[in-house]
Amino acid sequence: DEYPFSGGVCEPCGGCADGEFRADCVYMSEGECRMCQDCGQERYLYGCGGEEEGECRDCSEACEAGSYELVACSPRTDRECVPCDSQPPCPAGEFREGCGVVSAGKCAPCAACPAGSFRMGCDTGSKGTCQTCGSCPAGQYRSSCSGVDPGVCKPCDACPEGEYRSGCG
């Protein structure tokens, strides 16, 4: 015959299990399923499946300071780093501690400050520091110094003639 392979029906080569690809599916052979290759340490296999054997690629570098590993480098996936500031904000009175490298960190309470002081810096990735409320000039007093509010100096109220104010300033 001029066309020795005429007749018959073309059939799809068929699929393989996860972690395999179909090799040598051509002409009159359905080929066979073969295992995807192992790429070794700090490498991953990209594109293995169907009729593709895939290719080995180097994993992305370790996460930089200020970011953490969302997806680890594994035989089938590249490393994926995300900035720590992409995390949802912590509730008021808390900050995110321990974010970096392989941890997203967690929310922890800010520093508790004693009376006569206020907290600074808790929203910057640390528990913050307690600062002493400053004194005010004579004739003034400090209002609202607590929590995260340093307060402000306000003038003492004037007294009626013949009286004086004790305990202000």
Protein backbone atom coordinates (compact mmCIF):
# COMPACT_ATOMS: atom_id res chain seq x y z
CA ASP A 1 0.00 0.00 0.00
CA GLU A 2 0.97 3.55 -0.48
CA TYR A 3 -0.23 4.27 3.11
CA PRO A 4 0.63 1.23 5.22
CA PHE A 5 -0.73 2.77 8.46
CA SER A 6 -4.13 3.81 7.16
CA GLY A 7 -7.17 2.69 9.04
CA GLY A 8 -7.51 2.30 12.78
CA VAL A 9 -8.38 5.01 15.24
CA CYS A 10 -6.12 7.54 16.93
CA GLU A 11 -6.33 7.22 20.69
CA PRO A 12 -5.12 9.66 23.32
CA CYS A 13 -1.97 8.48 25.05
CA GLY A 14 -3.59 8.57 28.48
CA GLY A 15 -2.60 10.19 31.70
CA CYS A 16 -0.16 9.19 34.40
CA ALA A 17 -0.30 9.41 38.17
CA ASP A 18 0.85 12.53 39.98
CA GLY A 19 4.66 12.62 39.96
CA GLU A 20 4.88 10.89 36.58
CA PHE A 21 4.88 11.85 32.90
CA ARG A 22 4.14 9.84 29.72
CA ALA A 23 7.23 9.17 27.61
CA ASP A 24 7.47 7.88 24.02
CA CYS A 25 3.81 8.22 23.04
CA VAL A 26 4.25 8.30 19.24
CA TYR A 27 2.84 6.66 16.13
CA MET A 28 1.66 3.20 17.19
CA SER A 29 2.94 3.21 20.76
CA GLU A 30 1.06 4.53 23.76
CA GLY A 31 4.41 4.96 25.53
CA GLU A 32 4.83 4.47 29.25
CA CYS A 33 4.56 6.41 32.48
CA ARG A 34 7.87 7.37 34.04
CA MET A 35 8.67 8.96 37.38
CA CYS A 36 9.53 12.66 37.37
CA GLN A 37 13.19 13.22 38.15
CA ASP A 38 14.63 14.23 41.53
CA CYS A 39 16.57 17.47 41.24
CA GLY A 40 18.52 17.35 44.52
CA GLN A 41 19.01 19.89 47.33
CA GLU A 42 17.84 23.50 46.89
CA ARG A 43 16.39 22.67 43.45
CA TYR A 44 12.87 21.92 42.28
CA LEU A 45 11.29 20.27 39.24
CA TYR A 46 9.29 22.65 37.06
CA GLY A 47 6.68 21.43 34.56
CA CYS A 48 6.70 17.64 34.96
CA GLY A 49 3.39 16.08 33.93
CA GLY A 50 1.39 15.13 30.86
CA GLU A 51 4.01 14.34 28.21
CA GLU A 52 6.61 16.71 29.67
CA GLU A 53 9.48 15.45 31.82
CA GLY A 54 10.05 18.97 33.17
CA GLU A 55 13.29 20.72 34.03
CA CYS A 56 15.29 21.24 37.22
CA ARG A 57 15.60 24.82 38.46
CA ASP A 58 17.45 26.38 41.38
CA CYS A 59 15.24 27.48 44.27
CA SER A 60 15.06 31.20 45.02
CA GLU A 61 17.47 32.53 47.64
CA ALA A 62 16.60 32.35 51.36
CA CYS A 63 14.21 35.08 52.50
CA GLU A 64 15.74 38.46 53.33
CA ALA A 65 15.34 40.31 56.61
CA GLY A 66 11.82 41.70 56.91
CA SER A 67 10.27 38.77 55.03
CA TYR A 68 9.41 35.14 55.78
CA GLU A 69 9.02 31.89 53.85
CA LEU A 70 5.39 31.29 52.87
CA VAL A 71 6.25 28.27 50.68
CA ALA A 72 9.41 26.23 51.31
CA CYS A 73 11.77 25.01 48.61
CA SER A 74 10.78 21.38 47.95
CA PRO A 75 11.22 18.86 45.12
CA ARG A 76 8.14 20.33 43.35
CA THR A 77 7.95 23.98 44.49
CA ASP A 78 10.15 27.04 44.51
CA ARG A 79 10.61 29.04 47.71
CA GLU A 80 8.19 31.95 48.05
CA CYS A 81 9.00 34.83 50.39
CA VAL A 82 6.50 37.45 51.57
CA PRO A 83 7.17 40.75 53.37
CA CYS A 84 6.40 40.70 57.10
CA ASP A 85 4.34 43.88 56.70
CA SER A 86 1.92 41.97 54.43
CA GLN A 87 0.54 40.27 57.56
CA PRO A 88 -2.77 41.58 58.94
CA PRO A 89 -2.18 44.21 61.62
CA CYS A 90 -2.21 43.13 65.25
CA PRO A 91 -5.02 44.37 67.50
CA ALA A 92 -4.49 47.61 69.46
CA GLY A 93 -2.03 47.12 72.29
CA GLU A 94 -0.14 44.33 70.47
CA PHE A 95 2.74 44.09 67.99
CA ARG A 96 4.09 41.38 65.64
CA GLU A 97 7.14 39.60 67.03
CA GLY A 98 9.33 36.91 65.48
CA CYS A 99 8.55 37.52 61.81
CA GLY A 100 11.41 36.55 59.50
CA VAL A 101 13.14 33.71 57.65
CA VAL A 102 10.62 30.86 58.06
CA SER A 103 8.06 32.33 60.50
CA ALA A 104 5.19 34.78 60.00
CA GLY A 105 5.53 35.65 63.69
CA LYS A 106 2.67 36.23 66.09
CA CYS A 107 0.93 39.09 67.87
CA ALA A 108 2.23 39.75 71.39
CA PRO A 109 1.27 42.34 74.02
CA CYS A 110 3.02 45.72 74.06
CA ALA A 111 5.00 46.76 77.14
CA ALA A 112 2.89 47.72 80.14
CA CYS A 113 4.05 51.04 81.56
CA PRO A 114 3.76 52.18 85.19
CA ALA A 115 1.88 55.29 86.28
CA GLY A 116 3.68 58.48 85.31
CA SER A 117 4.92 57.06 82.00
CA PHE A 118 3.69 56.29 78.48
CA ARG A 119 4.69 53.74 75.80
CA MET A 120 6.49 54.60 72.54
CA GLY A 121 7.29 52.40 69.53
CA CYS A 122 5.06 49.36 69.96
CA ASP A 123 3.79 49.54 66.38
CA THR A 124 7.32 49.28 64.93
CA GLY A 125 7.84 45.55 65.47
CA SER A 126 8.94 45.71 69.10
CA LYS A 127 7.13 45.77 72.44
CA GLY A 128 7.94 49.47 72.74
CA THR A 129 9.64 51.34 75.55
CA CYS A 130 8.26 53.18 78.55
CA GLN A 131 9.05 56.90 78.66
CA THR A 132 8.66 59.06 81.76
CA CYS A 133 6.07 61.80 81.49
CA GLY A 134 7.94 65.10 81.41
CA SER A 135 7.51 67.88 83.92
CA CYS A 136 5.83 71.14 82.96
CA PRO A 137 6.92 74.72 83.60
CA ALA A 138 5.67 76.52 86.73
CA GLY A 139 1.96 77.36 86.50
CA GLN A 140 1.22 74.37 84.20
CA TYR A 141 0.32 70.72 84.66
CA ARG A 142 0.50 67.60 82.39
CA SER A 143 -2.81 66.12 81.33
CA SER A 144 -3.52 62.61 80.06
CA CYS A 145 -0.06 61.03 80.34
CA SER A 146 -0.70 57.25 80.16
CA GLY A 147 -0.88 54.36 77.69
CA VAL A 148 0.55 55.72 74.44
CA ASP A 149 -0.33 59.37 75.14
CA PRO A 150 2.51 61.58 76.45
CA GLY A 151 -0.10 64.20 77.41
CA VAL A 152 0.33 67.96 77.06
CA CYS A 153 1.19 70.79 79.41
CA LYS A 154 -1.83 72.97 80.20
CA PRO A 155 -2.01 76.18 82.24
CA CYS A 156 -3.41 75.91 85.74
CA ASP A 157 -6.79 77.55 86.22
CA ALA A 158 -6.74 81.00 87.73
CA CYS A 159 -8.05 81.36 91.29
CA PRO A 160 -10.36 84.12 92.52
CA GLU A 161 -8.66 87.06 94.19
CA GLY A 162 -7.44 86.27 97.67
CA GLU A 163 -6.98 82.52 96.96
CA TYR A 164 -4.10 80.45 95.65
CA ARG A 165 -3.89 77.09 93.82
CA SER A 166 -1.94 74.30 95.47
CA GLY A 167 -0.85 71.13 93.61
CA CYS A 168 -0.57 72.56 90.11
CA GLY A 169 2.75 72.75 88.30
